[in-house]
């Protein structure tokens, strides 16, 4: 039940994350598209994502890969939205509160592209 609550809070917070990264908020409502723009805003490597996806599909230790992803994900999100490791640790413990807080209240997107 805890995992479902955390997932629902992450889904609710995705439009806020996407709008802070410079995209229109309505792209956060469309399934699959919202995940693409959210991960694009986090500046994650497509090669890394493909390796992780193939690992989740092909390897027998899927739970290990998923656990590693769930441990590092809050730290990536809090770094992208202007907070440090303490908030990342809180995001690991209380993701349902921290993701909503970062998306709609306190987070400021820090991965702006430098214009030349």
PDB file of N, CA and C in Angstrom:
ATOM      1  N   UNK A   1       0.821  -1.195   0.000  1.00  0.00           N
ATOM      2  CA  UNK A   1       0.000   0.000   0.000  1.00  0.00           C
ATOM      3  C   UNK A   1       0.869   1.264   0.000  1.00  0.00           C
ATOM      4  N   UNK A   2       1.979   1.226   0.754  1.00  0.00           N
ATOM      5  CA  UNK A   2       2.892   2.365   0.815  1.00  0.00           C
ATOM      6  C   UNK A   2       3.460   2.687  -0.565  1.00  0.00           C
ATOM      7  N   UNK A   3       3.830   1.646  -1.304  1.00  0.00           N
ATOM      8  CA  UNK A   3       4.387   1.835  -2.634  1.00  0.00           C
ATOM      9  C   UNK A   3       3.366   2.467  -3.584  1.00  0.00           C
ATOM     10  N   UNK A   4       2.110   2.083  -3.455  1.00  0.00           N
ATOM     11  CA  UNK A   4       1.055   2.651  -4.292  1.00  0.00           C
ATOM     12  C   UNK A   4       0.864   4.136  -3.980  1.00  0.00           C
ATOM     13  N   UNK A   5       0.885   4.492  -2.697  1.00  0.00           N
ATOM     14  CA  UNK A   5       0.741   5.898  -2.302  1.00  0.00           C
ATOM     15  C   UNK A   5       1.908   6.717  -2.838  1.00  0.00           C
ATOM     16  N   UNK A   6       3.119   6.187  -2.749  1.00  0.00           N
ATOM     17  CA  UNK A   6       4.300   6.889  -3.276  1.00  0.00           C
ATOM     18  C   UNK A   6       4.203   7.075  -4.786  1.00  0.00           C
ATOM     19  N   UNK A   7       3.741   6.065  -5.492  1.00  0.00           N
ATOM     20  CA  UNK A   7       3.604   6.152  -6.943  1.00  0.00           C
ATOM     21  C   UNK A   7       2.539   7.170  -7.339  1.00  0.00           C
ATOM     22  N   UNK A   8       1.428   7.190  -6.634  1.00  0.00           N
ATOM     23  CA  UNK A   8       0.365   8.157  -6.922  1.00  0.00           C
ATOM     24  C   UNK A   8       0.857   9.582  -6.684  1.00  0.00           C
ATOM     25  N   UNK A   9       1.600   9.810  -5.613  1.00  0.00           N
ATOM     26  CA  UNK A   9       2.145  11.145  -5.338  1.00  0.00           C
ATOM     27  C   UNK A   9       3.160  11.569  -6.398  1.00  0.00           C
ATOM     28  N   UNK A  10       3.953  10.632  -6.888  1.00  0.00           N
ATOM     29  CA  UNK A  10       4.891  10.958  -7.960  1.00  0.00           C
ATOM     30  C   UNK A  10       4.142  11.321  -9.236  1.00  0.00           C
ATOM     31  N   UNK A  11       3.079  10.579  -9.549  1.00  0.00           N
ATOM     32  CA  UNK A  11       2.291  10.865 -10.750  1.00  0.00           C
ATOM     33  C   UNK A  11       1.612  12.228 -10.638  1.00  0.00           C
ATOM     34  N   UNK A  12       1.126  12.573  -9.456  1.00  0.00           N
ATOM     35  CA  UNK A  12       0.500  13.879  -9.251  1.00  0.00           C
ATOM     36  C   UNK A  12       1.525  15.004  -9.380  1.00  0.00           C
ATOM     37  N   UNK A  13       2.756  14.753  -8.985  1.00  0.00           N
ATOM     38  CA  UNK A  13       3.764  15.809  -8.999  1.00  0.00           C
ATOM     39  C   UNK A  13       4.464  15.979 -10.349  1.00  0.00           C
ATOM     40  N   UNK A  14       4.317  15.052 -11.271  1.00  0.00           N
ATOM     41  CA  UNK A  14       5.014  15.151 -12.564  1.00  0.00           C
ATOM     42  C   UNK A  14       4.632  16.411 -13.352  1.00  0.00           C
ATOM     43  N   UNK A  15       3.338  16.827 -13.446  1.00  0.00           N
ATOM     44  CA  UNK A  15       3.072  18.096 -14.156  1.00  0.00           C
ATOM     45  C   UNK A  15       3.782  19.298 -13.538  1.00  0.00           C
ATOM     46  N   UNK A  16       3.936  19.331 -12.233  1.00  0.00           N
ATOM     47  CA  UNK A  16       4.667  20.423 -11.594  1.00  0.00           C
ATOM     48  C   UNK A  16       6.146  20.405 -11.943  1.00  0.00           C
ATOM     49  N   UNK A  17       6.742  19.208 -11.950  1.00  0.00           N
ATOM     50  CA  UNK A  17       8.152  19.092 -12.331  1.00  0.00           C
ATOM     51  C   UNK A  17       8.364  19.522 -13.775  1.00  0.00           C
ATOM     52  N   UNK A  18       7.466  19.098 -14.653  1.00  0.00           N
ATOM     53  CA  UNK A  18       7.619  19.416 -16.079  1.00  0.00           C
ATOM     54  C   UNK A  18       7.444  20.912 -16.322  1.00  0.00           C
ATOM     55  N   UNK A  19       6.482  21.530 -15.647  1.00  0.00           N
ATOM     56  CA  UNK A  19       6.288  22.967 -15.857  1.00  0.00           C
ATOM     57  C   UNK A  19       7.471  23.777 -15.322  1.00  0.00           C
ATOM     58  N   UNK A  20       8.122  23.320 -14.249  1.00  0.00           N
ATOM     59  CA  UNK A  20       9.298  24.030 -13.740  1.00  0.00           C
ATOM     60  C   UNK A  20      10.505  23.868 -14.643  1.00  0.00           C
ATOM     61  N   UNK A  21      10.537  22.789 -15.453  1.00  0.00           N
ATOM     62  CA  UNK A  21      11.681  22.604 -16.338  1.00  0.00           C
ATOM     63  C   UNK A  21      11.507  23.330 -17.673  1.00  0.00           C
ATOM     64  N   UNK A  22      10.404  24.077 -17.846  1.00  0.00           N
ATOM     65  CA  UNK A  22      10.260  24.907 -19.035  1.00  0.00           C
ATOM     66  C   UNK A  22       9.295  24.375 -20.076  1.00  0.00           C
ATOM     67  N   UNK A  23       8.716  23.244 -19.872  1.00  0.00           N
ATOM     68  CA  UNK A  23       7.742  22.681 -20.806  1.00  0.00           C
ATOM     69  C   UNK A  23       6.336  23.056 -20.330  1.00  0.00           C
ATOM     70  N   UNK A  24       5.332  23.011 -21.225  1.00  0.00           N
ATOM     71  CA  UNK A  24       3.955  23.272 -20.782  1.00  0.00           C
ATOM     72  C   UNK A  24       3.482  22.203 -19.793  1.00  0.00           C
ATOM     73  N   UNK A  25       2.696  22.605 -18.796  1.00  0.00           N
ATOM     74  CA  UNK A  25       2.270  21.697 -17.734  1.00  0.00           C
ATOM     75  C   UNK A  25       1.398  20.572 -18.259  1.00  0.00           C
ATOM     76  N   UNK A  26       0.648  20.800 -19.352  1.00  0.00           N
ATOM     77  CA  UNK A  26      -0.276  19.782 -19.834  1.00  0.00           C
ATOM     78  C   UNK A  26       0.452  18.562 -20.397  1.00  0.00           C
ATOM     79  N   UNK A  27       1.743  18.691 -20.707  1.00  0.00           N
ATOM     80  CA  UNK A  27       2.503  17.521 -21.148  1.00  0.00           C
ATOM     81  C   UNK A  27       2.726  16.552 -20.003  1.00  0.00           C
ATOM     82  N   UNK A  28       2.518  17.001 -18.784  1.00  0.00           N
ATOM     83  CA  UNK A  28       2.642  16.138 -17.622  1.00  0.00           C
ATOM     84  C   UNK A  28       1.418  15.278 -17.371  1.00  0.00           C
ATOM     85  N   UNK A  29       0.340  15.529 -18.077  1.00  0.00           N
ATOM     86  CA  UNK A  29      -0.885  14.761 -17.888  1.00  0.00           C
ATOM     87  C   UNK A  29      -0.950  13.576 -18.842  1.00  0.00           C
ATOM     88  N   UNK A  30      -0.348  13.685 -20.005  1.00  0.00           N
ATOM     89  CA  UNK A  30      -0.422  12.636 -21.032  1.00  0.00           C
ATOM     90  C   UNK A  30       0.486  11.473 -20.641  1.00  0.00           C
ATOM     91  N   UNK A  31      -0.066  10.258 -20.527  1.00  0.00           N
ATOM     92  CA  UNK A  31       0.778   9.109 -20.159  1.00  0.00           C
ATOM     93  C   UNK A  31       1.884   8.864 -21.186  1.00  0.00           C
ATOM     94  N   UNK A  32       2.971   8.320 -20.775  1.00  0.00           N
ATOM     95  CA  UNK A  32       4.191   8.026 -21.518  1.00  0.00           C
ATOM     96  C   UNK A  32       4.925   9.318 -21.902  1.00  0.00           C
ATOM     97  N   UNK A  33       4.220  10.313 -22.409  1.00  0.00           N
ATOM     98  CA  UNK A  33       4.841  11.587 -22.754  1.00  0.00           C
ATOM     99  C   UNK A  33       5.356  12.260 -21.485  1.00  0.00           C
ATOM    100  N   UNK A  34       4.592  12.153 -20.392  1.00  0.00           N
ATOM    101  CA  UNK A  34       5.016  12.791 -19.153  1.00  0.00           C
ATOM    102  C   UNK A  34       6.306  12.176 -18.621  1.00  0.00           C
ATOM    103  N   UNK A  35       6.458  10.885 -18.757  1.00  0.00           N
ATOM    104  CA  UNK A  35       7.692  10.235 -18.306  1.00  0.00           C
ATOM    105  C   UNK A  35       8.877  10.687 -19.164  1.00  0.00           C
ATOM    106  N   UNK A  36       8.651  10.800 -20.482  1.00  0.00           N
ATOM    107  CA  UNK A  36       9.710  11.248 -21.386  1.00  0.00           C
ATOM    108  C   UNK A  36      10.189  12.651 -21.000  1.00  0.00           C
ATOM    109  N   UNK A  37       9.265  13.598 -20.834  1.00  0.00           N
ATOM    110  CA  UNK A  37       9.664  14.965 -20.514  1.00  0.00           C
ATOM    111  C   UNK A  37      10.229  15.088 -19.104  1.00  0.00           C
ATOM    112  N   UNK A  38       9.742  14.271 -18.180  1.00  0.00           N
ATOM    113  CA  UNK A  38      10.279  14.296 -16.826  1.00  0.00           C
ATOM    114  C   UNK A  38      11.729  13.820 -16.815  1.00  0.00           C
ATOM    115  N   UNK A  39      12.012  12.703 -17.493  1.00  0.00           N
ATOM    116  CA  UNK A  39      13.384  12.198 -17.552  1.00  0.00           C
ATOM    117  C   UNK A  39      14.279  13.104 -18.393  1.00  0.00           C
ATOM    118  N   UNK A  40      13.708  13.738 -19.410  1.00  0.00           N
ATOM    119  CA  UNK A  40      14.463  14.702 -20.205  1.00  0.00           C
ATOM    120  C   UNK A  40      14.857  15.905 -19.342  1.00  0.00           C
ATOM    121  N   UNK A  41      13.969  16.321 -18.459  1.00  0.00           N
ATOM    122  CA  UNK A  41      14.268  17.421 -17.552  1.00  0.00           C
ATOM    123  C   UNK A  41      15.322  17.066 -16.525  1.00  0.00           C
ATOM    124  N   UNK A  42      15.427  15.787 -16.188  1.00  0.00           N
ATOM    125  CA  UNK A  42      16.448  15.350 -15.229  1.00  0.00           C
ATOM    126  C   UNK A  42      17.805  15.141 -15.882  1.00  0.00           C
ATOM    127  N   UNK A  43      17.875  15.279 -17.208  1.00  0.00           N
ATOM    128  CA  UNK A  43      19.123  15.124 -17.967  1.00  0.00           C
ATOM    129  C   UNK A  43      19.746  13.738 -17.778  1.00  0.00           C
ATOM    130  N   UNK A  44      18.910  12.708 -17.769  1.00  0.00           N
ATOM    131  CA  UNK A  44      19.424  11.347 -17.674  1.00  0.00           C
ATOM    132  C   UNK A  44      19.820  10.856 -19.057  1.00  0.00           C
ATOM    133  N   UNK A  45      20.885  10.096 -19.130  1.00  0.00           N
ATOM    134  CA  UNK A  45      21.400   9.585 -20.385  1.00  0.00           C
ATOM    135  C   UNK A  45      20.447   8.538 -20.975  1.00  0.00           C
ATOM    136  N   UNK A  46      20.108   8.651 -22.249  1.00  0.00           N
ATOM    137  CA  UNK A  46      19.241   7.650 -22.872  1.00  0.00           C
ATOM    138  C   UNK A  46      19.879   6.256 -22.878  1.00  0.00           C
ATOM    139  N   UNK A  47      21.196   6.191 -22.967  1.00  0.00           N
ATOM    140  CA  UNK A  47      21.874   4.895 -22.963  1.00  0.00           C
ATOM    141  C   UNK A  47      21.711   4.230 -21.597  1.00  0.00           C
ATOM    142  N   UNK A  48      21.868   5.009 -20.535  1.00  0.00           N
ATOM    143  CA  UNK A  48      21.664   4.482 -19.193  1.00  0.00           C
ATOM    144  C   UNK A  48      20.233   3.973 -19.014  1.00  0.00           C
ATOM    145  N   UNK A  49      19.278   4.721 -19.517  1.00  0.00           N
ATOM    146  CA  UNK A  49      17.884   4.303 -19.393  1.00  0.00           C
ATOM    147  C   UNK A  49      17.605   3.022 -20.177  1.00  0.00           C
ATOM    148  N   UNK A  50      18.217   2.887 -21.366  1.00  0.00           N
ATOM    149  CA  UNK A  50      18.022   1.661 -22.145  1.00  0.00           C
ATOM    150  C   UNK A  50      18.643   0.466 -21.442  1.00  0.00           C
ATOM    151  N   UNK A  51      19.826   0.652 -20.856  1.00  0.00           N
ATOM    152  CA  UNK A  51      20.474  -0.442 -20.133  1.00  0.00           C
ATOM    153  C   UNK A  51      19.629  -0.868 -18.935  1.00  0.00           C
ATOM    154  N   UNK A  52      19.111   0.107 -18.192  1.00  0.00           N
ATOM    155  CA  UNK A  52      18.262  -0.222 -17.050  1.00  0.00           C
ATOM    156  C   UNK A  52      16.967  -0.906 -17.486  1.00  0.00           C
ATOM    157  N   UNK A  53      16.379  -0.429 -18.573  1.00  0.00           N
ATOM    158  CA  UNK A  53      15.144  -1.050 -19.071  1.00  0.00           C
ATOM    159  C   UNK A  53      15.403  -2.470 -19.538  1.00  0.00           C
ATOM    160  N   UNK A  54      16.507  -2.692 -20.251  1.00  0.00           N
ATOM    161  CA  UNK A  54      16.840  -4.053 -20.681  1.00  0.00           C
ATOM    162  C   UNK A  54      17.145  -4.939 -19.486  1.00  0.00           C
ATOM    163  N   UNK A  55      17.771  -4.370 -18.463  1.00  0.00           N
ATOM    164  CA  UNK A  55      18.029  -5.131 -17.252  1.00  0.00           C
ATOM    165  C   UNK A  55      16.746  -5.528 -16.554  1.00  0.00           C
ATOM    166  N   UNK A  56      15.767  -4.619 -16.538  1.00  0.00           N
ATOM    167  CA  UNK A  56      14.481  -4.949 -15.927  1.00  0.00           C
ATOM    168  C   UNK A  56      13.721  -5.989 -16.727  1.00  0.00           C
ATOM    169  N   UNK A  57      13.944  -6.028 -18.030  1.00  0.00           N
ATOM    170  CA  UNK A  57      13.232  -6.992 -18.875  1.00  0.00           C
ATOM    171  C   UNK A  57      13.927  -8.349 -18.879  1.00  0.00           C
ATOM    172  N   UNK A  58      15.243  -8.360 -19.015  1.00  0.00           N
ATOM    173  CA  UNK A  58      15.962  -9.603 -19.303  1.00  0.00           C
ATOM    174  C   UNK A  58      16.577 -10.304 -18.089  1.00  0.00           C
ATOM    175  N   UNK A  59      17.030  -9.570 -17.121  1.00  0.00           N
ATOM    176  CA  UNK A  59      17.762 -10.194 -16.025  1.00  0.00           C
ATOM    177  C   UNK A  59      16.827 -10.837 -15.001  1.00  0.00           C
ATOM    178  N   UNK A  60      17.265 -11.927 -14.397  1.00  0.00           N
ATOM    179  CA  UNK A  60      16.419 -12.562 -13.381  1.00  0.00           C
ATOM    180  C   UNK A  60      16.369 -11.785 -12.063  1.00  0.00           C
ATOM    181  N   UNK A  61      17.336 -10.897 -11.832  1.00  0.00           N
ATOM    182  CA  UNK A  61      17.359 -10.104 -10.602  1.00  0.00           C
ATOM    183  C   UNK A  61      16.725  -8.742 -10.822  1.00  0.00           C
ATOM    184  N   UNK A  62      15.479  -8.723 -11.285  1.00  0.00           N
ATOM    185  CA  UNK A  62      14.786  -7.465 -11.566  1.00  0.00           C
ATOM    186  C   UNK A  62      14.592  -6.636 -10.312  1.00  0.00           C
ATOM    187  N   UNK A  63      14.334  -7.289  -9.212  1.00  0.00           N
ATOM    188  CA  UNK A  63      14.081  -6.571  -7.976  1.00  0.00           C
ATOM    189  C   UNK A  63      15.327  -5.821  -7.503  1.00  0.00           C
ATOM    190  N   UNK A  64      16.502  -6.367  -7.728  1.00  0.00           N
ATOM    191  CA  UNK A  64      17.740  -5.693  -7.357  1.00  0.00           C
ATOM    192  C   UNK A  64      17.920  -4.411  -8.166  1.00  0.00           C
ATOM    193  N   UNK A  65      17.697  -4.461  -9.463  1.00  0.00           N
ATOM    194  CA  UNK A  65      17.843  -3.285 -10.320  1.00  0.00           C
ATOM    195  C   UNK A  65      16.802  -2.235  -9.954  1.00  0.00           C
ATOM    196  N   UNK A  66      15.573  -2.660  -9.708  1.00  0.00           N
ATOM    197  CA  UNK A  66      14.521  -1.737  -9.331  1.00  0.00           C
ATOM    198  C   UNK A  66      14.819  -1.083  -7.981  1.00  0.00           C
ATOM    199  N   UNK A  67      15.368  -1.840  -7.057  1.00  0.00           N
ATOM    200  CA  UNK A  67      15.739  -1.286  -5.756  1.00  0.00           C
ATOM    201  C   UNK A  67      16.846  -0.249  -5.896  1.00  0.00           C
ATOM    202  N   UNK A  68      17.839  -0.526  -6.707  1.00  0.00           N
ATOM    203  CA  UNK A  68      18.924   0.433  -6.931  1.00  0.00           C
ATOM    204  C   UNK A  68      18.382   1.715  -7.565  1.00  0.00           C
ATOM    205  N   UNK A  69      17.467   1.569  -8.527  1.00  0.00           N
ATOM    206  CA  UNK A  69      16.869   2.743  -9.158  1.00  0.00           C
ATOM    207  C   UNK A  69      16.075   3.565  -8.143  1.00  0.00           C
ATOM    208  N   UNK A  70      15.322   2.899  -7.288  1.00  0.00           N
ATOM    209  CA  UNK A  70      14.507   3.607  -6.286  1.00  0.00           C
ATOM    210  C   UNK A  70      15.360   4.289  -5.229  1.00  0.00           C
ATOM    211  N   UNK A  71      16.561   3.781  -4.985  1.00  0.00           N
ATOM    212  CA  UNK A  71      17.442   4.415  -4.005  1.00  0.00           C
ATOM    213  C   UNK A  71      18.073   5.685  -4.584  1.00  0.00           C
ATOM    214  N   UNK A  72      18.501   5.657  -5.837  1.00  0.00           N
ATOM    215  CA  UNK A  72      19.190   6.806  -6.411  1.00  0.00           C
ATOM    216  C   UNK A  72      18.253   7.873  -6.974  1.00  0.00           C
ATOM    217  N   UNK A  73      17.026   7.517  -7.314  1.00  0.00           N
ATOM    218  CA  UNK A  73      16.101   8.452  -7.963  1.00  0.00           C
ATOM    219  C   UNK A  73      15.803   9.701  -7.125  1.00  0.00           C
ATOM    220  N   UNK A  74      15.513   9.598  -5.824  1.00  0.00           N
ATOM    221  CA  UNK A  74      15.254  10.836  -5.060  1.00  0.00           C
ATOM    222  C   UNK A  74      16.440  11.797  -5.037  1.00  0.00           C
ATOM    223  N   UNK A  75      17.658  11.274  -5.041  1.00  0.00           N
ATOM    224  CA  UNK A  75      18.833  12.136  -5.043  1.00  0.00           C
ATOM    225  C   UNK A  75      18.990  12.858  -6.379  1.00  0.00           C
ATOM    226  N   UNK A  76      18.646  12.199  -7.481  1.00  0.00           N
ATOM    227  CA  UNK A  76      18.703  12.829  -8.799  1.00  0.00           C
ATOM    228  C   UNK A  76      17.660  13.934  -8.899  1.00  0.00           C
ATOM    229  N   UNK A  77      16.453  13.655  -8.427  1.00  0.00           N
ATOM    230  CA  UNK A  77      15.369  14.645  -8.497  1.00  0.00           C
ATOM    231  C   UNK A  77      15.681  15.859  -7.629  1.00  0.00           C
ATOM    232  N   UNK A  78      16.134  15.635  -6.411  1.00  0.00           N
ATOM    233  CA  UNK A  78      16.419  16.781  -5.535  1.00  0.00           C
ATOM    234  C   UNK A  78      17.606  17.600  -6.039  1.00  0.00           C
ATOM    235  N   UNK A  79      18.564  16.973  -6.691  1.00  0.00           N
ATOM    236  CA  UNK A  79      19.672  17.716  -7.276  1.00  0.00           C
ATOM    237  C   UNK A  79      19.188  18.574  -8.447  1.00  0.00           C
ATOM    238  N   UNK A  80      18.296  18.034  -9.258  1.00  0.00           N
ATOM    239  CA  UNK A  80      17.788  18.775 -10.417  1.00  0.00           C
ATOM    240  C   UNK A  80      16.930  19.961 -10.006  1.00  0.00           C
ATOM    241  N   UNK A  81      16.293  19.877  -8.854  1.00  0.00           N
ATOM    242  CA  UNK A  81      15.401  20.945  -8.428  1.00  0.00           C
ATOM    243  C   UNK A  81      15.956  21.753  -7.258  1.00  0.00           C
ATOM    244  N   UNK A  82      17.279  21.818  -7.161  1.00  0.00           N
ATOM    245  CA  UNK A  82      17.950  22.785  -6.328  1.00  0.00           C
ATOM    246  C   UNK A  82      18.103  22.475  -4.855  1.00  0.00           C
ATOM    247  N   UNK A  83      18.063  21.233  -4.472  1.00  0.00           N
ATOM    248  CA  UNK A  83      18.252  20.884  -3.069  1.00  0.00           C
ATOM    249  C   UNK A  83      19.353  19.841  -2.961  1.00  0.00           C
ATOM    250  N   UNK A  84      19.851  19.640  -1.758  1.00  0.00           N
ATOM    251  CA  UNK A  84      21.020  18.794  -1.563  1.00  0.00           C
ATOM    252  C   UNK A  84      20.702  17.377  -1.125  1.00  0.00           C
ATOM    253  N   UNK A  85      21.715  16.766  -0.543  1.00  0.00           N
ATOM    254  CA  UNK A  85      21.645  15.358  -0.170  1.00  0.00           C
ATOM    255  C   UNK A  85      20.719  15.092   1.016  1.00  0.00           C
ATOM    256  N   UNK A  86      20.555  16.063   1.894  1.00  0.00           N
ATOM    257  CA  UNK A  86      19.654  15.879   3.038  1.00  0.00           C
ATOM    258  C   UNK A  86      18.211  15.755   2.554  1.00  0.00           C
ATOM    259  N   UNK A  87      17.815  16.618   1.622  1.00  0.00           N
ATOM    260  CA  UNK A  87      16.463  16.534   1.067  1.00  0.00           C
ATOM    261  C   UNK A  87      16.324  15.260   0.239  1.00  0.00           C
ATOM    262  N   UNK A  88      17.403  14.823  -0.411  1.00  0.00           N
ATOM    263  CA  UNK A  88      17.375  13.550  -1.133  1.00  0.00           C
ATOM    264  C   UNK A  88      17.148  12.380  -0.195  1.00  0.00           C
ATOM    265  N   UNK A  89      17.781  12.424   0.967  1.00  0.00           N
ATOM    266  CA  UNK A  89      17.561  11.378   1.965  1.00  0.00           C
ATOM    267  C   UNK A  89      16.126  11.412   2.490  1.00  0.00           C
ATOM    268  N   UNK A  90      15.602  12.600   2.709  1.00  0.00           N
ATOM    269  CA  UNK A  90      14.200  12.715   3.102  1.00  0.00           C
ATOM    270  C   UNK A  90      13.274  12.233   1.989  1.00  0.00           C
ATOM    271  N   UNK A  91      13.672  12.467   0.734  1.00  0.00           N
ATOM    272  CA  UNK A  91      12.900  11.970  -0.401  1.00  0.00           C
ATOM    273  C   UNK A  91      12.917  10.456  -0.493  1.00  0.00           C
ATOM    274  N   UNK A  92      13.977   9.856  -0.021  1.00  0.00           N
ATOM    275  CA  UNK A  92      14.049   8.397   0.025  1.00  0.00           C
ATOM    276  C   UNK A  92      13.135   7.845   1.118  1.00  0.00           C
ATOM    277  N   UNK A  93      13.041   8.559   2.233  1.00  0.00           N
ATOM    278  CA  UNK A  93      12.224   8.092   3.353  1.00  0.00           C
ATOM    279  C   UNK A  93      10.764   8.484   3.183  1.00  0.00           C
ATOM    280  N   UNK A  94      10.502   9.730   2.785  1.00  0.00           N
ATOM    281  CA  UNK A  94       9.137  10.242   2.642  1.00  0.00           C
ATOM    282  C   UNK A  94       8.897  10.777   1.230  1.00  0.00           C
ATOM    283  N   UNK A  95       8.909   9.929   0.205  1.00  0.00           N
ATOM    284  CA  UNK A  95       8.770  10.453  -1.159  1.00  0.00           C
ATOM    285  C   UNK A  95       7.425  11.116  -1.431  1.00  0.00           C
ATOM    286  N   UNK A  96       6.375  10.660  -0.750  1.00  0.00           N
ATOM    287  CA  UNK A  96       5.069  11.230  -1.023  1.00  0.00           C
ATOM    288  C   UNK A  96       4.987  12.698  -0.616  1.00  0.00           C
ATOM    289  N   UNK A  97       5.756  13.113   0.348  1.00  0.00           N
ATOM    290  CA  UNK A  97       5.756  14.512   0.761  1.00  0.00           C
ATOM    291  C   UNK A  97       6.784  15.337  -0.011  1.00  0.00           C
ATOM    292  N   UNK A  98       7.968  14.805  -0.170  1.00  0.00           N
ATOM    293  CA  UNK A  98       9.067  15.564  -0.777  1.00  0.00           C
ATOM    294  C   UNK A  98       8.809  15.841  -2.256  1.00  0.00           C
ATOM    295  N   UNK A  99       8.304  14.853  -3.022  1.00  0.00           N
ATOM    296  CA  UNK A  99       8.045  15.090  -4.444  1.00  0.00           C
ATOM    297  C   UNK A  99       6.988  16.168  -4.649  1.00  0.00           C
ATOM    298  N   UNK A 100       5.916  16.127  -3.874  1.00  0.00           N
ATOM    299  CA  UNK A 100       4.888  17.164  -3.985  1.00  0.00           C
ATOM    300  C   UNK A 100       5.433  18.526  -3.560  1.00  0.00           C
ATOM    301  N   UNK A 101       6.253  18.543  -2.515  1.00  0.00           N
ATOM    302  CA  UNK A 101       6.859  19.786  -2.044  1.00  0.00           C
ATOM    303  C   UNK A 101       7.786  20.384  -3.097  1.00  0.00           C
ATOM    304  N   UNK A 102       8.617  19.549  -3.727  1.00  0.00           N
ATOM    305  CA  UNK A 102       9.531  20.038  -4.761  1.00  0.00           C
ATOM    306  C   UNK A 102       8.778  20.496  -6.007  1.00  0.00           C
ATOM    307  N   UNK A 103       7.722  19.768  -6.367  1.00  0.00           N
ATOM    308  CA  UNK A 103       7.016  20.065  -7.619  1.00  0.00           C
ATOM    309  C   UNK A 103       6.184  21.341  -7.536  1.00  0.00           C
ATOM    310  N   UNK A 104       5.562  21.574  -6.408  1.00  0.00           N
ATOM    311  CA  UNK A 104       4.602  22.671  -6.356  1.00  0.00           C
ATOM    312  C   UNK A 104       4.948  23.793  -5.380  1.00  0.00           C
ATOM    313  N   UNK A 105       5.911  23.605  -4.492  1.00  0.00           N
ATOM    314  CA  UNK A 105       6.168  24.641  -3.496  1.00  0.00           C
ATOM    315  C   UNK A 105       7.598  25.187  -3.585  1.00  0.00           C
ATOM    316  N   UNK A 106       8.599  24.351  -3.355  1.00  0.00           N
ATOM    317  CA  UNK A 106       9.931  24.866  -3.103  1.00  0.00           C
ATOM    318  C   UNK A 106      10.937  24.666  -4.231  1.00  0.00           C
ATOM    319  N   UNK A 107      10.750  23.674  -5.047  1.00  0.00           N
ATOM    320  CA  UNK A 107      11.796  23.341  -6.014  1.00  0.00           C
ATOM    321  C   UNK A 107      11.979  24.389  -7.095  1.00  0.00           C
ATOM    322  N   UNK A 108      13.225  24.669  -7.427  1.00  0.00           N
ATOM    323  CA  UNK A 108      13.578  25.560  -8.523  1.00  0.00           C
ATOM    324  C   UNK A 108      14.470  24.765  -9.459  1.00  0.00           C
ATOM    325  N   UNK A 109      14.080  24.676 -10.721  1.00  0.00           N
ATOM    326  CA  UNK A 109      14.819  23.868 -11.684  1.00  0.00           C
ATOM    327  C   UNK A 109      16.200  24.474 -11.912  1.00  0.00           C
ATOM    328  N   UNK A 110      17.250  23.674 -11.726  1.00  0.00           N
ATOM    329  CA  UNK A 110      18.613  24.198 -11.806  1.00  0.00           C
ATOM    330  C   UNK A 110      19.394  23.707 -13.011  1.00  0.00           C
ATOM    331  N   UNK A 111      18.818  22.863 -13.843  1.00  0.00           N
ATOM    332  CA  UNK A 111      19.555  22.334 -14.996  1.00  0.00           C
ATOM    333  C   UNK A 111      19.269  23.135 -16.262  1.00  0.00           C
ATOM    334  N   UNK A 112      19.188  24.432 -16.160  1.00  0.00           N
ATOM    335  CA  UNK A 112      18.919  25.262 -17.321  1.00  0.00           C
ATOM    336  C   UNK A 112      20.042  25.132 -18.336  1.00  0.00           C
ATOM    337  N   UNK A 113      19.667  25.074 -19.608  1.00  0.00           N
ATOM    338  CA  UNK A 113      20.674  25.007 -20.661  1.00  0.00           C
ATOM    339  C   UNK A 113      21.295  26.383 -20.846  1.00  0.00           C
ATOM    340  N   UNK A 114      22.593  26.403 -21.018  1.00  0.00           N
ATOM    341  CA  UNK A 114      23.300  27.664 -21.203  1.00  0.00           C
ATOM    342  C   UNK A 114      23.170  28.111 -22.653  1.00  0.00           C
ATOM    343  N   UNK A 115      22.646  29.307 -22.838  1.00  0.00           N
ATOM    344  CA  UNK A 115      22.476  29.844 -24.195  1.00  0.00           C
ATOM    345  C   UNK A 115      23.742  30.608 -24.571  1.00  0.00           C
ATOM    346  N   UNK A 116      24.179  30.385 -25.802  1.00  0.00           N
ATOM    347  CA  UNK A 116      25.424  30.997 -26.257  1.00  0.00           C
ATOM    348  C   UNK A 116      25.149  32.242 -27.061  1.00  0.00           C
TER     349      UNK A 116
END
